[in-house]
Protein backbone atom coordinates (compact mmCIF):
# COMPACT_ATOMS: atom_id res chain seq x y z
CA MET A 1 -38.69 15.89 -11.19
CA SER A 2 -37.08 18.01 -14.18
CA GLN A 3 -35.75 16.29 -16.82
CA LYS A 4 -32.13 14.84 -16.43
CA ILE A 5 -29.23 15.86 -18.67
CA ALA A 6 -28.31 12.18 -18.90
CA SER A 7 -31.82 10.79 -19.59
CA ALA A 8 -32.08 10.41 -23.38
CA ARG A 9 -33.25 6.79 -23.16
CA ILE A 10 -35.62 7.44 -20.47
CA SER A 11 -39.06 8.43 -21.43
CA GLN A 12 -40.89 8.65 -18.00
CA LYS A 13 -40.36 10.70 -15.21
CA SER A 14 -38.34 8.71 -12.26
CA SER A 15 -39.94 7.49 -9.41
CA ALA A 16 -39.48 9.91 -6.35
CA LEU A 17 -38.26 6.47 -4.53
CA LEU A 18 -35.65 6.00 -7.39
CA GLN A 19 -34.61 9.43 -7.02
CA ASP A 20 -33.89 8.93 -3.26
CA LEU A 21 -31.94 6.07 -3.70
CA ASN A 22 -30.16 7.06 -6.90
CA ASN A 23 -29.03 10.58 -6.12
CA SER A 24 -25.47 11.04 -4.73
CA LEU A 25 -25.36 14.67 -4.75
CA PRO A 26 -25.79 14.79 -0.95
CA PHE A 27 -22.45 13.03 -0.31
CA ASP A 28 -20.56 13.88 -3.75
CA LYS A 29 -20.86 17.41 -3.58
CA ILE A 30 -17.48 16.96 -1.47
CA LEU A 31 -15.80 16.66 -5.00
CA TYR A 32 -16.85 19.91 -6.52
CA LYS A 33 -13.24 21.04 -6.37
CA GLU A 34 -11.83 17.78 -8.15
CA ASP A 35 -14.69 17.69 -10.59
CA ILE A 36 -14.16 21.17 -11.73
CA GLU A 37 -10.62 20.87 -12.02
CA GLY A 38 -10.82 18.04 -14.12
CA SER A 39 -13.24 19.44 -16.66
CA GLN A 40 -10.79 22.62 -16.78
CA ALA A 41 -8.03 19.97 -17.71
CA HIS A 42 -10.46 18.27 -19.96
CA ALA A 43 -11.79 21.26 -21.84
CA TYR A 44 -7.82 22.51 -22.29
CA MET A 45 -7.28 19.03 -23.74
CA LEU A 46 -10.50 19.31 -26.21
CA CYS A 47 -9.09 22.76 -27.24
CA GLU A 48 -5.77 21.72 -27.80
CA GLN A 49 -6.61 18.79 -29.98
CA GLY A 50 -8.96 21.00 -32.14
CA ILE A 51 -12.25 19.15 -30.90
CA ILE A 52 -13.77 22.33 -29.42
CA SER A 53 -13.05 25.92 -30.43
CA LYS A 54 -10.87 28.35 -28.52
CA GLU A 55 -13.95 30.65 -27.91
CA ASP A 56 -15.84 27.58 -26.54
CA TYR A 57 -12.83 26.82 -24.40
CA GLU A 58 -12.57 30.20 -22.99
CA GLN A 59 -16.31 30.53 -22.13
CA ILE A 60 -16.04 26.87 -20.57
CA GLN A 61 -13.13 28.12 -18.35
CA ARG A 62 -14.90 31.22 -17.64
CA GLY A 63 -17.81 29.58 -16.40
CA LEU A 64 -16.02 26.84 -14.29
CA ALA A 65 -14.06 29.18 -12.58
CA GLU A 66 -17.29 31.52 -11.83
CA ILE A 67 -19.20 27.94 -10.71
CA LEU A 68 -16.01 27.61 -8.59
CA ASP A 69 -16.27 30.82 -6.75
CA GLU A 70 -20.11 30.49 -6.21
CA VAL A 71 -19.93 27.19 -4.68
CA GLU A 72 -17.33 28.45 -2.34
CA SER A 73 -19.31 31.70 -1.60
CA GLY A 74 -22.86 29.90 -1.09
CA ILE A 75 -24.29 31.47 -4.30
CA PHE A 76 -24.64 28.32 -5.71
CA LEU A 77 -26.18 25.49 -3.31
CA LEU A 78 -25.44 22.05 -4.33
CA ASP A 79 -28.90 20.77 -2.81
CA GLY A 80 -30.90 20.77 -5.93
CA ASP A 81 -32.47 17.66 -7.53
CA ASP A 82 -29.51 17.01 -9.79
CA GLU A 83 -28.70 13.16 -9.84
CA ASP A 84 -24.79 13.94 -8.67
CA ILE A 85 -22.14 16.69 -8.70
CA HIS A 86 -21.02 16.13 -12.18
CA MET A 87 -24.53 16.82 -13.35
CA ALA A 88 -24.92 19.83 -11.23
CA ILE A 89 -21.89 21.54 -12.37
CA GLU A 90 -22.73 20.47 -16.10
CA GLY A 91 -26.21 21.85 -15.82
CA ARG A 92 -24.97 25.15 -14.21
CA LEU A 93 -22.11 25.60 -16.72
CA THR A 94 -24.89 25.28 -19.91
CA GLN A 95 -27.06 27.78 -17.73
CA LYS A 96 -24.08 30.26 -17.80
CA VAL A 97 -22.69 29.79 -21.28
CA GLY A 98 -25.18 27.74 -23.42
CA ASP A 99 -23.90 25.27 -26.18
CA ALA A 100 -20.34 25.66 -25.01
CA GLY A 101 -21.14 24.05 -21.80
CA LYS A 102 -22.84 20.94 -23.75
CA ARG A 103 -19.63 20.74 -25.46
CA LEU A 104 -17.59 19.90 -22.45
CA HIS A 105 -18.83 16.16 -22.22
CA THR A 106 -17.25 15.36 -25.49
CA ALA A 107 -15.29 12.41 -25.32
CA ARG A 108 -15.94 11.64 -21.83
CA SER A 109 -18.22 9.49 -19.51
CA ARG A 110 -19.29 10.26 -16.21
CA ASN A 111 -17.63 6.58 -15.71
CA ASP A 112 -14.18 8.05 -16.29
CA GLN A 113 -15.12 11.38 -14.76
CA VAL A 114 -16.17 9.91 -11.27
CA ALA A 115 -13.10 7.86 -11.35
CA LEU A 116 -11.01 10.93 -12.02
CA ASP A 117 -12.71 13.00 -9.37
CA PHE A 118 -12.69 10.64 -6.54
CA ARG A 119 -8.77 9.57 -7.49
CA LEU A 120 -7.83 13.02 -7.17
CA TYR A 121 -9.65 13.29 -3.76
CA VAL A 122 -8.02 10.13 -2.45
CA GLN A 123 -4.55 11.35 -3.81
CA ASN A 124 -4.86 14.83 -2.19
CA ASN A 125 -5.96 13.60 0.97
CA THR A 126 -3.32 10.72 0.88
CA LYS A 127 -0.86 13.61 0.71
CA ALA A 128 -2.68 15.50 3.43
CA ILE A 129 -2.71 12.76 5.83
CA SER A 130 0.81 11.72 5.25
CA GLY A 131 1.77 15.51 6.28
CA LEU A 132 -0.11 15.01 9.60
CA LEU A 133 1.69 11.92 10.12
CA LEU A 134 5.14 13.63 9.74
CA GLU A 135 3.78 16.16 12.72
CA ASN A 136 3.04 13.26 14.74
CA ILE A 137 6.37 11.88 14.28
CA VAL A 138 8.25 14.98 14.99
CA THR A 139 6.05 15.41 18.32
CA LEU A 140 6.84 11.74 19.56
CA ILE A 141 10.68 12.41 18.57
CA LYS A 142 10.56 15.30 20.93
CA VAL A 143 8.85 13.56 23.73
CA ALA A 144 11.35 10.66 23.33
CA GLU A 145 14.43 12.60 23.02
CA LYS A 146 13.65 14.31 26.47
CA ASN A 147 12.66 11.34 28.31
CA ALA A 148 15.53 9.16 26.98
CA GLU A 149 16.65 8.68 30.59
CA VAL A 150 13.54 8.24 32.05
CA MET A 151 12.78 4.52 33.21
CA LEU A 152 9.45 2.69 33.05
CA PRO A 153 8.66 -0.95 33.33
CA GLY A 154 8.71 -2.48 29.63
CA MET A 155 5.98 -5.19 29.52
CA THR A 156 4.75 -8.35 27.58
CA HIS A 157 1.41 -9.72 28.49
CA LEU A 158 0.70 -6.66 30.28
CA GLN A 159 3.18 -7.54 33.09
CA HIS A 160 6.47 -5.78 34.11
CA ALA A 161 9.33 -7.41 32.07
CA GLN A 162 12.44 -5.60 31.92
CA PRO A 163 13.47 -1.74 32.46
CA ILE A 164 13.19 0.37 29.66
CA ASN A 165 13.21 4.27 28.84
CA PHE A 166 9.90 6.39 28.14
CA GLY A 167 11.78 7.94 25.16
CA TYR A 168 12.47 4.23 23.61
CA HIS A 169 8.77 3.68 24.21
CA MET A 170 7.55 6.76 22.17
CA MET A 171 10.08 5.93 19.30
CA ALA A 172 8.18 2.56 18.76
CA TYR A 173 4.76 4.66 18.13
CA ALA A 174 7.08 7.12 16.03
CA SER A 175 8.53 3.96 14.22
CA MET A 176 4.79 2.58 13.72
CA PHE A 177 3.88 6.04 12.25
CA LYS A 178 6.94 6.00 9.97
CA ARG A 179 5.76 2.76 8.14
CA ASP A 180 2.14 4.42 8.03
CA TYR A 181 3.63 7.24 6.32
CA GLU A 182 5.47 5.08 3.93
CA ARG A 183 2.29 2.99 2.95
CA PHE A 184 0.38 6.03 2.04
CA MET A 185 3.04 7.26 -0.02
CA SER A 186 3.44 3.80 -1.58
CA SER A 187 -0.25 4.21 -2.55
CA TYR A 188 0.14 7.77 -3.87
CA GLU A 189 3.09 6.71 -6.16
CA ARG A 190 1.12 3.46 -7.23
CA ASN A 191 -2.22 5.24 -7.94
CA ASN A 192 -1.04 8.13 -9.36
CA TYR A 193 -2.48 7.63 -13.01
CA SER A 194 -4.89 9.57 -14.78
CA PRO A 195 -8.46 7.63 -15.60
CA ILE A 196 -9.84 10.91 -17.72
CA GLY A 197 -10.21 10.03 -21.73
CA CYS A 198 -11.39 6.53 -20.85
CA ALA A 199 -14.86 7.41 -21.25
CA ALA A 200 -17.56 4.75 -20.38
CA LEU A 201 -15.23 1.50 -20.82
CA ALA A 202 -13.27 1.25 -24.35
CA GLY A 203 -11.96 4.55 -25.05
CA THR A 204 -13.01 7.12 -27.42
CA PRO A 205 -12.88 7.75 -31.36
CA HIS A 206 -12.18 11.27 -30.78
CA ASN A 207 -8.51 12.43 -31.28
CA ILE A 208 -8.09 13.01 -27.72
CA SER A 209 -4.63 13.40 -25.91
CA ARG A 210 -4.62 11.50 -22.50
CA GLN A 211 -1.24 12.62 -21.89
CA ILE A 212 -2.27 16.28 -21.93
CA THR A 213 -4.88 15.82 -19.34
CA SER A 214 -2.49 13.61 -17.37
CA ASP A 215 0.09 15.99 -17.34
CA LYS A 216 -2.36 18.97 -16.55
CA LEU A 217 -3.56 17.23 -13.70
CA GLY A 218 -0.24 16.21 -12.18
CA PHE A 219 -0.33 12.54 -12.79
CA THR A 220 2.71 10.45 -13.72
CA ALA A 221 0.69 9.23 -16.82
CA PRO A 222 -2.55 7.94 -18.14
CA THR A 223 -3.64 4.49 -16.89
CA LEU A 224 -2.85 1.52 -19.11
CA ASN A 225 -6.22 0.20 -19.73
CA CYS A 226 -9.64 1.73 -20.03
CA LEU A 227 -11.65 -1.23 -19.01
CA ASP A 228 -9.67 -1.59 -15.70
CA THR A 229 -9.63 1.96 -15.21
CA VAL A 230 -13.31 2.52 -14.85
CA SER A 231 -13.79 -0.37 -12.91
CA ASP A 232 -10.94 0.19 -10.52
CA ARG A 233 -11.25 1.27 -6.96
CA ASP A 234 -8.11 -0.11 -5.51
CA PHE A 235 -7.17 3.35 -4.73
CA ALA A 236 -10.06 3.62 -2.34
CA LEU A 237 -9.53 0.30 -0.98
CA GLU A 238 -5.97 1.31 -0.41
CA ILE A 239 -6.81 4.55 1.55
CA LEU A 240 -9.31 2.89 3.76
CA PHE A 241 -6.68 0.02 4.41
CA ASN A 242 -4.17 2.43 5.24
CA ILE A 243 -6.28 4.31 7.57
CA SER A 244 -7.37 1.45 9.14
CA THR A 245 -3.79 0.38 9.71
CA MET A 246 -2.73 3.83 11.01
CA MET A 247 -5.80 4.03 13.32
CA MET A 248 -4.89 0.44 14.80
CA HIS A 249 -1.56 2.49 15.85
CA ILE A 250 -3.41 5.10 17.10
CA SER A 251 -5.50 2.72 19.23
CA ARG A 252 -2.75 1.05 20.69
CA LEU A 253 -1.10 4.11 21.88
CA SER A 254 -4.65 5.75 23.04
CA GLU A 255 -5.08 2.28 25.21
CA GLU A 256 -1.68 2.88 27.01
CA LEU A 257 -2.38 6.60 27.61
CA ILE A 258 -5.75 5.56 28.82
CA LEU A 259 -3.98 2.93 31.26
CA TRP A 260 -0.78 5.23 32.09
CA SER A 261 -3.39 7.89 33.32
CA ALA A 262 -5.44 5.71 35.79
CA SER A 263 -4.65 6.08 39.23
CA GLU A 264 -3.00 2.41 39.20
CA PHE A 265 -0.30 3.58 37.15
CA GLY A 266 -0.32 7.68 37.41
CA TRP A 267 2.65 7.64 34.65
CA VAL A 268 0.96 10.14 32.42
CA THR A 269 -1.18 13.27 33.20
CA LEU A 270 -3.42 14.36 30.07
CA SER A 271 -3.99 18.28 30.07
CA ASP A 272 -7.24 19.39 30.89
CA ARG A 273 -7.73 20.65 27.43
CA HIS A 274 -7.95 17.10 26.52
CA ALA A 275 -10.03 15.59 28.83
CA THR A 276 -13.64 15.83 30.39
CA GLY A 277 -15.66 15.74 33.42
CA SER A 278 -18.15 13.54 35.05
CA SER A 279 -21.83 14.68 34.89
CA ILE A 280 -22.34 13.53 38.61
CA MET A 281 -18.74 12.79 40.12
CA PRO A 282 -17.18 16.16 40.41
CA GLN A 283 -13.86 14.71 41.17
CA LYS A 284 -13.53 12.73 37.85
CA LYS A 285 -11.29 13.59 34.68
CA ASN A 286 -11.81 11.11 32.04
CA PRO A 287 -9.66 10.45 29.06
CA ASP A 288 -12.24 10.84 26.72
CA ILE A 289 -9.89 11.71 23.73
CA PRO A 290 -7.84 8.38 23.54
CA GLU A 291 -11.12 6.63 24.21
CA LEU A 292 -12.64 8.28 21.27
CA LEU A 293 -9.55 7.67 19.10
CA ARG A 294 -9.73 4.00 20.31
CA GLY A 295 -13.30 3.60 19.34
CA LYS A 296 -13.08 5.13 16.00
CA THR A 297 -10.76 2.59 14.81
CA GLY A 298 -13.82 0.29 14.66
CA ARG A 299 -15.46 2.87 12.54
CA VAL A 300 -12.81 2.83 9.70
CA ASN A 301 -12.26 -0.86 9.88
CA GLY A 302 -15.96 -1.00 9.24
CA ASN A 303 -15.61 1.22 5.98
CA LEU A 304 -12.93 -1.14 4.80
CA VAL A 305 -14.80 -3.93 4.81
CA ALA A 306 -17.89 -2.35 3.47
CA LEU A 307 -16.20 -1.40 0.26
CA LEU A 308 -14.36 -4.87 0.06
CA THR A 309 -17.65 -6.18 0.00
CA VAL A 310 -19.40 -4.03 -2.37
CA MET A 311 -16.33 -4.73 -4.87
CA LYS A 312 -15.80 -8.55 -4.25
CA GLY A 313 -18.40 -9.82 -7.04
CA LEU A 314 -18.66 -6.85 -9.43
CA PRO A 315 -18.16 -7.78 -13.20
CA LEU A 316 -16.43 -5.22 -15.46
CA ALA A 317 -16.68 -2.44 -16.00
CA TYR A 318 -18.73 0.29 -14.09
CA ASN A 319 -21.71 -0.96 -11.89
CA LYS A 320 -24.07 1.39 -9.82
CA ASP A 321 -22.99 -0.55 -6.86
CA MET A 322 -19.72 1.46 -7.26
CA GLN A 323 -21.66 4.83 -6.13
CA GLU A 324 -21.39 3.07 -2.58
CA ASP A 325 -17.54 3.45 -2.93
CA LYS A 326 -17.31 7.27 -1.53
CA GLU A 327 -19.18 7.83 1.78
CA GLY A 328 -16.85 5.64 3.70
CA VAL A 329 -13.85 6.99 2.20
CA PHE A 330 -15.06 10.62 2.99
CA ASP A 331 -15.95 9.38 6.72
CA SER A 332 -12.66 7.42 6.95
CA VAL A 333 -10.54 10.39 5.65
CA ARG A 334 -12.35 12.96 8.11
CA THR A 335 -11.92 10.45 11.06
CA ALA A 336 -8.46 9.98 10.35
CA THR A 337 -7.44 13.82 9.92
CA LEU A 338 -9.06 14.93 13.16
CA SER A 339 -7.66 11.92 14.81
CA LEU A 340 -4.09 12.83 13.81
CA GLN A 341 -4.55 16.23 14.63
CA VAL A 342 -5.96 15.87 18.21
CA LEU A 343 -3.69 13.23 18.98
CA GLU A 344 -0.58 15.13 18.11
CA GLU A 345 -1.66 18.36 20.27
CA MET A 346 -2.60 15.52 23.02
CA ILE A 347 0.83 13.78 23.13
CA ALA A 348 2.43 17.58 23.04
CA ASP A 349 0.50 18.92 25.89
CA MET A 350 0.70 15.70 28.25
CA THR A 351 2.88 15.43 31.34
CA VAL A 352 5.39 12.52 32.11
CA ASN A 353 5.12 11.56 35.79
CA VAL A 354 9.01 10.69 35.86
CA ASN A 355 8.93 9.57 39.66
CA GLN A 356 5.77 7.56 39.37
CA MET A 357 7.67 5.66 36.28
CA GLU A 358 10.56 4.96 38.08
CA LYS A 359 8.72 3.93 41.35
CA ALA A 360 6.90 1.07 39.05
CA CYS A 361 10.22 -0.15 38.11
CA MET A 362 10.91 -1.64 41.51
CA ILE A 363 7.92 -4.10 41.02
CA GLY A 364 8.38 -6.87 38.91
CA HIS A 365 12.11 -7.87 39.14
CA LEU A 366 12.94 -6.29 35.88
CA SER A 367 16.67 -6.95 36.19
CA ALA A 368 16.08 -10.88 36.42
CA THR A 369 17.45 -11.64 33.27
CA ASP A 370 20.32 -9.55 33.65
CA LEU A 371 21.33 -12.30 36.26
CA ALA A 372 21.01 -15.36 33.97
CA ASP A 373 22.99 -13.28 31.32
CA TYR A 374 25.97 -13.14 33.94
CA LEU A 375 25.92 -16.43 34.80
CA VAL A 376 26.11 -17.43 30.97
CA LYS A 377 28.74 -14.72 30.12
CA VAL A 378 30.73 -14.92 33.58
CA ALA A 379 30.45 -18.41 34.85
CA ASN A 380 30.04 -19.95 31.40
CA LEU A 381 26.80 -21.82 32.52
CA PRO A 382 24.06 -23.09 29.83
CA PHE A 383 21.29 -20.55 29.73
CA ARG A 384 18.73 -22.85 30.77
CA ASP A 385 20.67 -23.54 34.13
CA ALA A 386 21.31 -19.76 34.68
CA TYR A 387 17.53 -19.44 33.95
CA HIS A 388 16.65 -21.77 36.84
CA ILE A 389 19.39 -20.27 39.15
CA THR A 390 17.72 -16.75 38.39
CA GLY A 391 14.51 -18.09 39.31
CA ASP A 392 15.59 -19.19 42.47
CA ALA A 393 17.01 -15.57 43.08
CA VAL A 394 13.34 -14.50 42.56
CA ASN A 395 11.76 -16.74 44.71
CA LEU A 396 14.17 -15.39 47.60
CA ALA A 397 13.57 -11.72 46.71
CA GLU A 398 9.76 -12.66 46.95
CA LYS A 399 9.95 -14.32 50.28
CA LYS A 400 12.14 -10.98 51.65
CA GLY A 401 9.74 -8.94 50.42
CA LEU A 402 12.27 -7.22 48.12
CA ASP A 403 12.71 -6.49 44.39
CA ILE A 404 15.71 -8.77 42.85
CA SER A 405 17.59 -5.69 42.64
CA GLU A 406 17.68 -4.97 46.36
CA LEU A 407 19.15 -8.53 47.09
CA SER A 408 22.43 -8.61 48.69
CA LEU A 409 25.61 -10.18 47.66
CA GLU A 410 25.46 -12.69 50.63
CA ASP A 411 21.73 -13.51 49.44
CA LEU A 412 22.69 -14.02 46.03
CA GLN A 413 25.64 -16.08 46.73
CA SER A 414 23.45 -18.17 48.84
CA ILE A 415 21.71 -19.44 46.12
CA ASP A 416 24.85 -20.43 43.92
CA GLY A 417 28.24 -19.77 45.00
CA ARG A 418 29.48 -18.77 41.24
CA ILE A 419 27.81 -15.46 41.71
CA GLY A 420 30.31 -12.86 42.14
CA GLU A 421 30.91 -9.40 43.72
CA GLY A 422 30.14 -7.57 40.36
CA VAL A 423 26.55 -8.84 39.94
CA VAL A 424 24.98 -6.52 42.39
CA ALA A 425 25.80 -3.51 40.41
CA LEU A 426 24.71 -5.22 37.09
CA LEU A 427 21.15 -5.89 38.83
CA ASP A 428 20.33 -2.04 39.41
CA ASN A 429 17.74 -1.07 36.93
CA ARG A 430 19.46 1.66 35.19
CA ALA A 431 22.32 -0.48 34.81
CA SER A 432 20.08 -3.09 33.28
CA MET A 433 18.33 -0.52 30.95
CA ASN A 434 21.63 0.76 29.69
CA ALA A 435 23.20 -2.57 29.35
CA ARG A 436 20.95 -3.50 26.34
CA ILE A 437 23.18 -1.78 23.82
CA SER A 438 22.33 -4.02 20.86
CA GLU A 439 20.97 -2.08 17.73
CA GLY A 440 17.61 -0.70 18.56
CA GLY A 441 17.67 -1.80 22.03
CA THR A 442 16.63 0.63 25.00
CA ALA A 443 20.13 1.85 26.39
CA THR A 444 19.87 5.86 26.48
CA VAL A 445 22.57 6.11 23.78
CA ARG A 446 20.56 3.78 21.50
CA THR A 447 17.46 5.54 22.00
CA LEU A 448 19.17 8.83 21.11
CA GLU A 449 20.51 7.05 18.26
CA GLN A 450 17.15 6.10 17.02
CA VAL A 451 16.16 9.64 17.62
CA GLU A 452 18.83 11.04 15.35
CA SER A 453 18.19 8.36 12.60
CA LEU A 454 14.45 9.12 12.62
CA ASN A 455 15.36 13.07 12.62
CA GLY A 456 17.39 12.56 9.60
CA TRP A 457 14.89 10.62 7.74
CA LEU A 458 12.31 13.35 8.70
CA ASP A 459 14.55 16.14 7.26
CA SER A 460 14.48 14.27 3.95
CA LYS A 461 10.91 14.06 3.99
CA ILE A 462 10.00 17.54 5.00
CA LYS A 463 12.47 19.02 2.45
CA ILE A 464 10.66 17.26 -0.44
């Protein structure tokens, strides 16, 4: 092994096994942009504070810009025996600009350097995922507005319950994704504080300005306490939690798409672009995309639990255990990004089978509650009495092989004479759906209000 940059105290060459266990370059090289950006800001501050000369600063900036080009063009391959991305870039910089490169690490430690790089990565991807959530909300709203009059059975316990419209159902998921967006952006604001300048754990005796680097990197302000800062991975845990919650929502939607696309339902048809065939059964069209999205939820949940477990017993400040903080985050970010991209595309391309949805509304006596509500409002019955009378009506419909909405006035009056002529119209499924006009309800007019409200919210976010 070559002599390491950060090995002043170590007199023997490292074990090859230690190198394999210790080196993080194979995965943390993804942070090369953040590491260079952070080093550029740190060098700027050092120069502004008179800690390094302007000449050294200019050489450092030139060297870092060249390294960025070298990495992105494939000239500088991040696959050597450097311990991590920080040492790889610093070593390359020193090769290029000599002593000026060695001065870059003045007044900083890898502890605050990695905290900065990782936080920048999380912050950047928090915004990127939030943007993809907005795109999904836009698509769900479009589907909702188009299908605000298309009926399907609303379910509880996966049993037919009451008639709703498909737009209303889509708005439920749009509302979930709105909360996800707000959760990500809340985390962004809470974690938008700069770690650089904290050094190892206790700050530095050099005359630095943490405000300069904070401003240069777009943070709100420097962090308050350096000991906490180099120990903190709450920002990583938050993005993992936010992704896990979002993927749980995606999984619930995926489960319904899987069910709805099955022959027993036939309510939606996924496009051929978003389905696969069978290797043995030529007639098959499998909903692999929603199945994979449902499955990947377990993957991101595991990443969250893994980091919680790493962090749970660590003393302050930095401990090498914390090197295990990144791979799960990188994996969850990749999973979340791809999942949102493919989900939006799949929802936009799917076909809503209106006739199949509305046909299913004739199963399960969806308007039964309307009879009970009628008896409460018109006959002034206690709801529990009305509930039992309605149960008798359902039993009669079952005996006749009908839906409750198909019973005649005579049938209904044979159960209770207080049932009047107007009830037949109320038991029509569309009338039942549109009767639910309370705020947030499924009536088409209320669904369209929800569409308008969420569109207004979207406009304010997209303009920002």
